[in-house]
Amino acid sequence: MAISKELLEILVCPVCKAVVDLKADQSGLKCVQCHRVYPIRDDIPVMLVDEAKVEE
């Protein structure tokens, strides 16, 4: 089960409040502004700053 479009529309980065996009491999949600990637575990996005990794 993938992340629903409705959920993606309301989720934002907890750091900078920018939009997050689903990564191509569906392993996480990437912030378009600060490039933090929040993991998805058991089809649930983990939107905790301590769990995020910065990608370029």
Protein backbone atom coordinates (compact mmCIF):
# COMPACT_ATOMS: atom_id res chain seq x y z
CA MET A 1 0.00 0.00 0.00
CA ALA A 2 1.47 3.31 -1.08
CA ILE A 3 1.13 6.75 0.48
CA SER A 4 -2.16 8.29 -0.65
CA LYS A 5 -2.20 11.47 -2.72
CA GLU A 6 -4.42 13.11 -0.11
CA LEU A 7 -1.82 12.51 2.60
CA LEU A 8 1.00 13.79 0.38
CA GLU A 9 -0.95 17.00 -0.23
CA ILE A 10 -1.10 17.87 3.48
CA LEU A 11 2.35 16.71 4.62
CA VAL A 12 5.11 19.33 4.88
CA CYS A 13 8.67 19.30 6.16
CA PRO A 14 8.63 19.89 9.93
CA VAL A 15 11.81 22.01 9.67
CA CYS A 16 11.12 24.49 6.86
CA LYS A 17 7.41 23.82 6.13
CA ALA A 18 8.10 23.17 2.43
CA VAL A 19 6.41 20.51 0.29
CA VAL A 20 7.69 16.93 0.45
CA ASP A 21 7.76 14.61 -2.57
CA LEU A 22 7.79 10.84 -2.65
CA LYS A 23 11.19 9.50 -3.72
CA ALA A 24 11.29 7.42 -6.90
CA ASP A 25 12.04 4.23 -4.95
CA GLN A 26 9.25 5.08 -2.46
CA SER A 27 11.65 4.70 0.49
CA GLY A 28 10.99 8.17 1.85
CA LEU A 29 9.64 11.68 1.47
CA LYS A 30 12.12 14.33 0.34
CA CYS A 31 11.75 18.01 1.15
CA VAL A 32 12.05 20.18 -1.95
CA GLN A 33 13.72 23.01 -0.04
CA CYS A 34 16.09 21.64 2.63
CA HIS A 35 16.55 18.17 0.99
CA ARG A 36 15.83 16.18 4.15
CA VAL A 37 14.51 12.70 3.49
CA TYR A 38 12.00 11.32 5.96
CA PRO A 39 11.78 7.51 5.92
CA ILE A 40 8.64 5.50 5.30
CA ARG A 41 8.26 2.47 7.57
CA ASP A 42 5.36 0.03 7.21
CA ASP A 43 3.64 2.51 4.85
CA ILE A 44 3.80 5.25 7.51
CA PRO A 45 5.93 8.38 6.95
CA VAL A 46 8.19 9.09 9.93
CA MET A 47 8.20 12.90 9.98
CA LEU A 48 10.68 13.29 12.83
CA VAL A 49 13.69 15.57 12.33
CA ASP A 50 15.97 13.13 14.19
CA GLU A 51 15.04 10.37 11.72
CA ALA A 52 15.68 12.46 8.58
CA LYS A 53 18.82 12.36 6.47
CA VAL A 54 19.98 15.21 4.24
CA GLU A 55 20.44 14.27 0.56
CA GLU A 56 21.51 16.42 -2.34
